[in-house]
Amino acid sequence: MVKKFADIAKGKCKFGRRNMRNAMVMEMRRQEQLKRGTKVSGKGKQVTVAAQEVPITQRAGHPLVKTNAKPAEWKTIPGKAITVDLARVPWLPDDWGQGVKMTNPISRSRPGQGGTYTVWVAPCGRVFYHRHDME
């Protein structure tokens, strides 16, 4: 059975919103590190599964009104996939979406130390990394 995000927010689920978001981000990091050939630990299996079971349309980062850009197909210009976030900043307009993307490894990156970045997606599909660029 898929738990609705509204049920989670109201406390009907044993995992909190913040805990589920952290589990989702840690799972993204773990998957990216597996591609790079290193290991990183994640959150508990139950909370990770619960976070992944939340449908994209029920996540807080999904645009509240219909837009041209489909959240399941969000990508950056270089082609990095963007996952719809389980959280949403309060100042974000209704037709914008919030997502999480993995950062690229750099020369000083240590094995198992991958990063994530919160991004905002315009109704047309353009990705922004900073609030001042959006406005």
N, C-alpha and C. Protein backbone atom coordinates (compact mmCIF):
# COMPACT_ATOMS: atom_id res chain seq x y z
N MET A 1 0.83 -1.18 0.00
CA MET A 1 0.00 0.00 0.00
C MET A 1 0.88 1.25 0.00
N VAL A 2 0.57 2.17 -0.87
CA VAL A 2 1.33 3.40 -0.97
C VAL A 2 0.77 4.41 0.02
N LYS A 3 1.65 4.98 0.83
CA LYS A 3 1.23 5.99 1.79
C LYS A 3 1.21 7.35 1.11
N LYS A 4 0.16 8.11 1.32
CA LYS A 4 0.07 9.43 0.75
C LYS A 4 0.91 10.38 1.58
N PHE A 5 1.53 11.37 0.91
CA PHE A 5 2.38 12.32 1.62
C PHE A 5 1.57 13.11 2.64
N ALA A 6 0.29 13.35 2.34
CA ALA A 6 -0.55 14.08 3.30
C ALA A 6 -0.69 13.28 4.60
N ASP A 7 -0.79 11.96 4.49
CA ASP A 7 -0.87 11.13 5.69
C ASP A 7 0.42 11.19 6.48
N ILE A 8 1.53 11.27 5.78
CA ILE A 8 2.82 11.35 6.44
C ILE A 8 2.94 12.68 7.16
N ALA A 9 2.51 13.77 6.49
CA ALA A 9 2.60 15.10 7.08
C ALA A 9 1.71 15.22 8.31
N LYS A 10 0.58 14.53 8.34
CA LYS A 10 -0.34 14.59 9.48
C LYS A 10 0.08 13.68 10.62
N GLY A 11 1.12 12.90 10.42
CA GLY A 11 1.60 12.04 11.49
C GLY A 11 0.99 10.65 11.50
N LYS A 12 0.31 10.26 10.43
CA LYS A 12 -0.29 8.93 10.37
C LYS A 12 0.74 7.86 9.99
N CYS A 13 1.94 8.27 9.65
CA CYS A 13 3.01 7.36 9.30
C CYS A 13 4.06 7.44 10.40
N LYS A 14 4.75 6.33 10.65
CA LYS A 14 5.71 6.34 11.75
C LYS A 14 7.01 7.06 11.40
N PHE A 15 7.21 7.43 10.15
CA PHE A 15 8.40 8.17 9.74
C PHE A 15 8.03 9.62 9.50
N GLY A 16 8.83 10.54 9.98
CA GLY A 16 8.58 11.95 9.78
C GLY A 16 8.97 12.42 8.40
N ARG A 17 8.47 13.60 8.01
CA ARG A 17 8.78 14.16 6.69
C ARG A 17 10.28 14.35 6.50
N ARG A 18 10.93 14.93 7.49
CA ARG A 18 12.37 15.21 7.38
C ARG A 18 13.17 13.92 7.31
N ASN A 19 12.77 12.93 8.09
CA ASN A 19 13.46 11.65 8.09
C ASN A 19 13.32 10.97 6.73
N MET A 20 12.14 11.06 6.14
CA MET A 20 11.93 10.45 4.82
C MET A 20 12.72 11.17 3.74
N ARG A 21 12.80 12.51 3.81
CA ARG A 21 13.58 13.26 2.83
C ARG A 21 15.05 12.90 2.94
N ASN A 22 15.55 12.83 4.16
CA ASN A 22 16.96 12.45 4.35
C ASN A 22 17.23 11.05 3.81
N ALA A 23 16.29 10.14 4.00
CA ALA A 23 16.45 8.78 3.49
C ALA A 23 16.49 8.78 1.96
N MET A 24 15.62 9.59 1.34
CA MET A 24 15.59 9.67 -0.12
C MET A 24 16.93 10.20 -0.65
N VAL A 25 17.45 11.25 -0.03
CA VAL A 25 18.71 11.85 -0.46
C VAL A 25 19.86 10.87 -0.25
N MET A 26 19.88 10.18 0.88
CA MET A 26 20.94 9.21 1.14
C MET A 26 20.90 8.05 0.14
N GLU A 27 19.71 7.64 -0.26
CA GLU A 27 19.58 6.58 -1.26
C GLU A 27 20.11 7.06 -2.61
N MET A 28 19.84 8.32 -2.95
CA MET A 28 20.39 8.89 -4.19
C MET A 28 21.91 8.87 -4.15
N ARG A 29 22.47 9.26 -3.02
CA ARG A 29 23.93 9.25 -2.86
C ARG A 29 24.49 7.84 -2.98
N ARG A 30 23.79 6.90 -2.34
CA ARG A 30 24.26 5.51 -2.37
C ARG A 30 24.27 4.98 -3.79
N GLN A 31 23.22 5.25 -4.55
CA GLN A 31 23.14 4.80 -5.94
C GLN A 31 24.25 5.43 -6.79
N GLU A 32 24.50 6.71 -6.59
CA GLU A 32 25.55 7.40 -7.35
C GLU A 32 26.93 6.84 -7.00
N GLN A 33 27.15 6.55 -5.73
CA GLN A 33 28.44 6.01 -5.31
C GLN A 33 28.66 4.60 -5.84
N LEU A 34 27.58 3.83 -5.96
CA LEU A 34 27.71 2.50 -6.56
C LEU A 34 28.18 2.60 -8.01
N LYS A 35 27.69 3.62 -8.73
CA LYS A 35 28.12 3.84 -10.11
C LYS A 35 29.61 4.19 -10.17
N ARG A 36 30.07 4.91 -9.15
CA ARG A 36 31.48 5.32 -9.10
C ARG A 36 32.39 4.24 -8.55
N GLY A 37 31.81 3.19 -8.01
CA GLY A 37 32.62 2.09 -7.51
C GLY A 37 33.00 2.20 -6.04
N THR A 38 32.34 3.07 -5.30
CA THR A 38 32.61 3.20 -3.87
C THR A 38 31.33 2.91 -3.09
N LYS A 39 31.49 2.71 -1.79
CA LYS A 39 30.34 2.40 -0.96
C LYS A 39 30.06 3.54 0.01
N VAL A 40 28.80 3.78 0.25
CA VAL A 40 28.37 4.73 1.26
C VAL A 40 27.12 4.13 1.90
N SER A 41 27.01 4.28 3.21
CA SER A 41 25.84 3.70 3.88
C SER A 41 24.64 4.62 3.73
N GLY A 42 23.47 4.05 3.87
CA GLY A 42 22.24 4.82 3.76
C GLY A 42 21.44 4.76 5.04
N LYS A 43 20.22 5.22 4.99
CA LYS A 43 19.32 5.16 6.13
C LYS A 43 18.75 3.76 6.24
N GLY A 44 17.89 3.55 7.23
CA GLY A 44 17.26 2.25 7.41
C GLY A 44 16.42 1.85 6.22
N LYS A 45 16.29 0.56 6.00
CA LYS A 45 15.59 0.06 4.82
C LYS A 45 14.11 0.46 4.82
N GLN A 46 13.45 0.41 5.97
CA GLN A 46 12.02 0.71 6.01
C GLN A 46 11.73 2.16 5.62
N VAL A 47 12.49 3.09 6.17
CA VAL A 47 12.24 4.50 5.85
C VAL A 47 12.63 4.81 4.42
N THR A 48 13.66 4.16 3.89
CA THR A 48 14.06 4.37 2.50
C THR A 48 12.98 3.87 1.55
N VAL A 49 12.43 2.72 1.82
CA VAL A 49 11.36 2.17 0.99
C VAL A 49 10.13 3.06 1.06
N ALA A 50 9.80 3.54 2.27
CA ALA A 50 8.64 4.42 2.44
C ALA A 50 8.83 5.72 1.65
N ALA A 51 10.03 6.26 1.64
CA ALA A 51 10.31 7.50 0.91
C ALA A 51 10.20 7.27 -0.60
N GLN A 52 10.65 6.13 -1.08
CA GLN A 52 10.60 5.85 -2.51
C GLN A 52 9.18 5.52 -2.99
N GLU A 53 8.32 5.09 -2.07
CA GLU A 53 6.95 4.72 -2.45
C GLU A 53 6.04 5.93 -2.61
N VAL A 54 6.46 7.09 -2.14
CA VAL A 54 5.62 8.28 -2.29
C VAL A 54 5.58 8.65 -3.77
N PRO A 55 4.40 8.66 -4.39
CA PRO A 55 4.32 8.98 -5.82
C PRO A 55 4.81 10.40 -6.11
N ILE A 56 5.34 10.61 -7.29
CA ILE A 56 5.88 11.92 -7.66
C ILE A 56 4.82 13.01 -7.52
N THR A 57 3.60 12.72 -7.90
CA THR A 57 2.54 13.74 -7.84
C THR A 57 2.16 14.11 -6.42
N GLN A 58 2.51 13.29 -5.43
CA GLN A 58 2.15 13.56 -4.05
C GLN A 58 3.31 14.15 -3.25
N ARG A 59 4.46 14.33 -3.89
CA ARG A 59 5.60 14.91 -3.20
C ARG A 59 5.45 16.42 -3.12
N ALA A 60 6.00 17.01 -2.08
CA ALA A 60 5.85 18.45 -1.86
C ALA A 60 6.53 19.27 -2.95
N GLY A 61 7.59 18.76 -3.55
CA GLY A 61 8.32 19.49 -4.58
C GLY A 61 7.63 19.52 -5.94
N HIS A 62 6.58 18.76 -6.10
CA HIS A 62 5.83 18.73 -7.37
C HIS A 62 5.10 20.06 -7.54
N PRO A 63 5.08 20.64 -8.76
CA PRO A 63 4.34 21.88 -8.97
C PRO A 63 2.86 21.71 -8.57
N LEU A 64 2.30 22.73 -7.96
CA LEU A 64 0.92 22.64 -7.47
C LEU A 64 -0.10 22.84 -8.58
N VAL A 65 0.32 23.44 -9.69
CA VAL A 65 -0.56 23.61 -10.85
C VAL A 65 0.11 22.95 -12.05
N LYS A 66 -0.66 22.65 -13.07
CA LYS A 66 -0.13 21.96 -14.25
C LYS A 66 0.83 22.87 -15.02
N THR A 67 1.96 22.28 -15.44
CA THR A 67 2.98 23.03 -16.20
C THR A 67 3.37 22.26 -17.45
N ASN A 68 4.15 22.90 -18.31
CA ASN A 68 4.61 22.26 -19.55
C ASN A 68 5.67 21.19 -19.27
N ALA A 69 6.50 21.42 -18.26
CA ALA A 69 7.58 20.48 -17.94
C ALA A 69 7.04 19.34 -17.08
N LYS A 70 7.29 18.12 -17.49
CA LYS A 70 6.83 16.96 -16.72
C LYS A 70 7.87 16.65 -15.64
N PRO A 71 7.48 16.63 -14.37
CA PRO A 71 8.43 16.39 -13.29
C PRO A 71 9.18 15.06 -13.40
N ALA A 72 8.59 14.06 -13.99
CA ALA A 72 9.28 12.77 -14.14
C ALA A 72 10.44 12.87 -15.12
N GLU A 73 10.44 13.90 -15.98
CA GLU A 73 11.46 14.06 -17.00
C GLU A 73 12.39 15.25 -16.75
N TRP A 74 12.39 15.79 -15.54
CA TRP A 74 13.26 16.93 -15.23
C TRP A 74 14.72 16.56 -15.40
N LYS A 75 15.48 17.40 -16.10
CA LYS A 75 16.93 17.20 -16.29
C LYS A 75 17.61 18.56 -16.33
N THR A 76 18.88 18.59 -15.95
CA THR A 76 19.67 19.81 -16.09
C THR A 76 20.14 19.92 -17.54
N ILE A 77 20.78 21.02 -17.90
CA ILE A 77 21.26 21.20 -19.27
C ILE A 77 22.28 20.12 -19.64
N PRO A 78 23.23 19.76 -18.73
CA PRO A 78 24.16 18.66 -19.09
C PRO A 78 23.52 17.27 -19.09
N GLY A 79 22.28 17.16 -18.63
CA GLY A 79 21.58 15.88 -18.68
C GLY A 79 21.49 15.13 -17.36
N LYS A 80 21.86 15.77 -16.24
CA LYS A 80 21.74 15.12 -14.93
C LYS A 80 20.27 15.03 -14.54
N ALA A 81 19.87 13.87 -14.03
CA ALA A 81 18.48 13.66 -13.62
C ALA A 81 18.18 14.44 -12.33
N ILE A 82 16.96 14.95 -12.24
CA ILE A 82 16.50 15.66 -11.06
C ILE A 82 15.34 14.87 -10.48
N THR A 83 15.39 14.57 -9.19
CA THR A 83 14.33 13.85 -8.49
C THR A 83 13.43 14.86 -7.80
N VAL A 84 12.12 14.68 -7.89
CA VAL A 84 11.18 15.57 -7.21
C VAL A 84 11.39 15.43 -5.70
N ASP A 85 11.55 16.56 -5.03
CA ASP A 85 11.87 16.58 -3.61
C ASP A 85 10.64 16.27 -2.75
N LEU A 86 10.90 15.74 -1.57
CA LEU A 86 9.83 15.49 -0.60
C LEU A 86 9.55 16.72 0.26
N ALA A 87 10.34 17.78 0.08
CA ALA A 87 10.16 19.03 0.82
C ALA A 87 9.91 20.16 -0.17
N ARG A 88 9.46 21.30 0.35
CA ARG A 88 9.21 22.46 -0.51
C ARG A 88 9.44 23.72 0.32
N VAL A 89 10.18 24.68 -0.25
CA VAL A 89 10.39 25.94 0.45
C VAL A 89 9.11 26.76 0.39
N PRO A 90 8.79 27.52 1.43
CA PRO A 90 7.49 28.22 1.46
C PRO A 90 7.36 29.36 0.45
N TRP A 91 8.47 29.93 -0.02
CA TRP A 91 8.40 31.06 -0.94
C TRP A 91 8.27 30.65 -2.40
N LEU A 92 8.30 29.38 -2.70
CA LEU A 92 8.27 28.91 -4.09
C LEU A 92 6.88 29.10 -4.70
N PRO A 93 6.79 29.72 -5.90
CA PRO A 93 5.48 29.89 -6.55
C PRO A 93 4.82 28.54 -6.86
N ASP A 94 3.51 28.55 -7.00
CA ASP A 94 2.74 27.32 -7.20
C ASP A 94 3.09 26.59 -8.49
N ASP A 95 3.48 27.31 -9.53
CA ASP A 95 3.76 26.65 -10.80
C ASP A 95 5.23 26.22 -10.93
N TRP A 96 6.03 26.39 -9.91
CA TRP A 96 7.42 25.96 -9.89
C TRP A 96 7.54 24.66 -9.12
N GLY A 97 8.60 23.92 -9.39
CA GLY A 97 8.85 22.67 -8.68
C GLY A 97 10.19 22.70 -7.98
N GLN A 98 10.34 21.84 -6.98
CA GLN A 98 11.60 21.71 -6.25
C GLN A 98 12.12 20.30 -6.40
N GLY A 99 13.41 20.18 -6.68
CA GLY A 99 14.00 18.86 -6.86
C GLY A 99 15.37 18.76 -6.21
N VAL A 100 15.92 17.55 -6.27
CA VAL A 100 17.25 17.27 -5.74
C VAL A 100 18.06 16.61 -6.85
N LYS A 101 19.31 17.04 -7.02
CA LYS A 101 20.18 16.42 -8.02
C LYS A 101 21.52 16.10 -7.38
N MET A 102 22.19 15.14 -7.95
CA MET A 102 23.53 14.78 -7.49
C MET A 102 24.54 15.75 -8.10
N THR A 103 25.59 16.08 -7.32
CA THR A 103 26.65 16.92 -7.85
C THR A 103 27.66 16.06 -8.60
N ASN A 104 28.43 16.68 -9.45
CA ASN A 104 29.48 15.97 -10.18
C ASN A 104 30.71 15.80 -9.29
N PRO A 105 31.42 14.69 -9.43
CA PRO A 105 32.66 14.54 -8.66
C PRO A 105 33.70 15.52 -9.17
N ILE A 106 34.53 16.04 -8.26
CA ILE A 106 35.61 16.93 -8.65
C ILE A 106 36.93 16.32 -8.21
N SER A 107 38.02 16.98 -8.49
CA SER A 107 39.33 16.39 -8.24
C SER A 107 39.58 16.10 -6.77
N ARG A 108 39.04 16.90 -5.88
CA ARG A 108 39.28 16.67 -4.45
C ARG A 108 38.17 15.84 -3.78
N SER A 109 37.26 15.29 -4.57
CA SER A 109 36.20 14.43 -4.02
C SER A 109 36.80 13.17 -3.44
N ARG A 110 36.35 12.81 -2.26
CA ARG A 110 36.81 11.58 -1.63
C ARG A 110 35.82 10.47 -1.95
N PRO A 111 36.28 9.24 -2.00
CA PRO A 111 35.36 8.13 -2.24
C PRO A 111 34.29 8.07 -1.15
N GLY A 112 33.06 7.90 -1.57
CA GLY A 112 31.95 7.83 -0.63
C GLY A 112 31.42 9.18 -0.21
N GLN A 113 31.95 10.25 -0.77
CA GLN A 113 31.53 11.60 -0.39
C GLN A 113 30.89 12.31 -1.57
N GLY A 114 29.73 11.89 -1.97
CA GLY A 114 29.02 12.55 -3.06
C GLY A 114 28.07 13.58 -2.48
N GLY A 115 27.79 14.61 -3.22
CA GLY A 115 26.92 15.66 -2.73
C GLY A 115 25.60 15.73 -3.47
N THR A 116 24.66 16.43 -2.86
CA THR A 116 23.37 16.69 -3.49
C THR A 116 23.14 18.19 -3.49
N TYR A 117 22.26 18.62 -4.36
CA TYR A 117 21.96 20.04 -4.47
C TYR A 117 20.47 20.21 -4.68
N THR A 118 19.87 21.13 -3.94
CA THR A 118 18.45 21.43 -4.12
C THR A 118 18.32 22.43 -5.27
N VAL A 119 17.44 22.12 -6.21
CA VAL A 119 17.24 22.97 -7.38
C VAL A 119 15.76 23.31 -7.51
N TRP A 120 15.49 24.37 -8.26
CA TRP A 120 14.11 24.77 -8.54
C TRP A 120 13.90 24.75 -10.03
N VAL A 121 12.75 24.25 -10.45
CA VAL A 121 12.46 24.08 -11.87
C VAL A 121 11.30 24.99 -12.26
N ALA A 122 11.54 25.82 -13.27
CA ALA A 122 10.54 26.76 -13.77
C ALA A 122 9.44 26.00 -14.52
N PRO A 123 8.29 26.62 -14.75
CA PRO A 123 7.22 25.96 -15.50
C PRO A 123 7.64 25.53 -16.90
N CYS A 124 8.63 26.22 -17.49
CA CYS A 124 9.10 25.86 -18.83
C CYS A 124 10.13 24.74 -18.78
N GLY A 125 10.62 24.37 -17.60
CA GLY A 125 11.58 23.28 -17.47
C GLY A 125 13.00 23.73 -17.19
N ARG A 126 13.24 25.04 -17.16
CA ARG A 126 14.59 25.56 -16.89
C ARG A 126 14.93 25.37 -15.41
N VAL A 127 16.16 24.99 -15.15
CA VAL A 127 16.61 24.67 -13.79
C VAL A 127 17.39 25.85 -13.21
N PHE A 128 17.07 26.19 -11.95
CA PHE A 128 17.76 27.27 -11.25
C PHE A 128 18.37 26.71 -9.97
N TYR A 129 19.58 27.23 -9.66
CA TYR A 129 20.30 26.76 -8.47
C TYR A 129 20.24 27.77 -7.33
N HIS A 130 19.90 29.03 -7.62
CA HIS A 130 19.89 30.07 -6.60
C HIS A 130 18.59 30.87 -6.69
N ARG A 131 18.11 31.31 -5.55
CA ARG A 131 16.86 32.05 -5.52
C ARG A 131 16.99 33.39 -6.27
N HIS A 132 18.11 34.07 -6.13
CA HIS A 132 18.27 35.37 -6.77
C HIS A 132 18.27 35.25 -8.30
N ASP A 133 18.63 34.11 -8.84
CA ASP A 133 18.58 33.91 -10.29
C ASP A 133 17.13 33.72 -10.76
N MET A 134 16.30 33.18 -9.89
CA MET A 134 14.90 32.94 -10.24
C MET A 134 14.11 34.23 -10.37
N GLU A 135 14.42 35.17 -9.51
CA GLU A 135 13.59 36.38 -9.40
C GLU A 135 13.86 37.40 -10.44
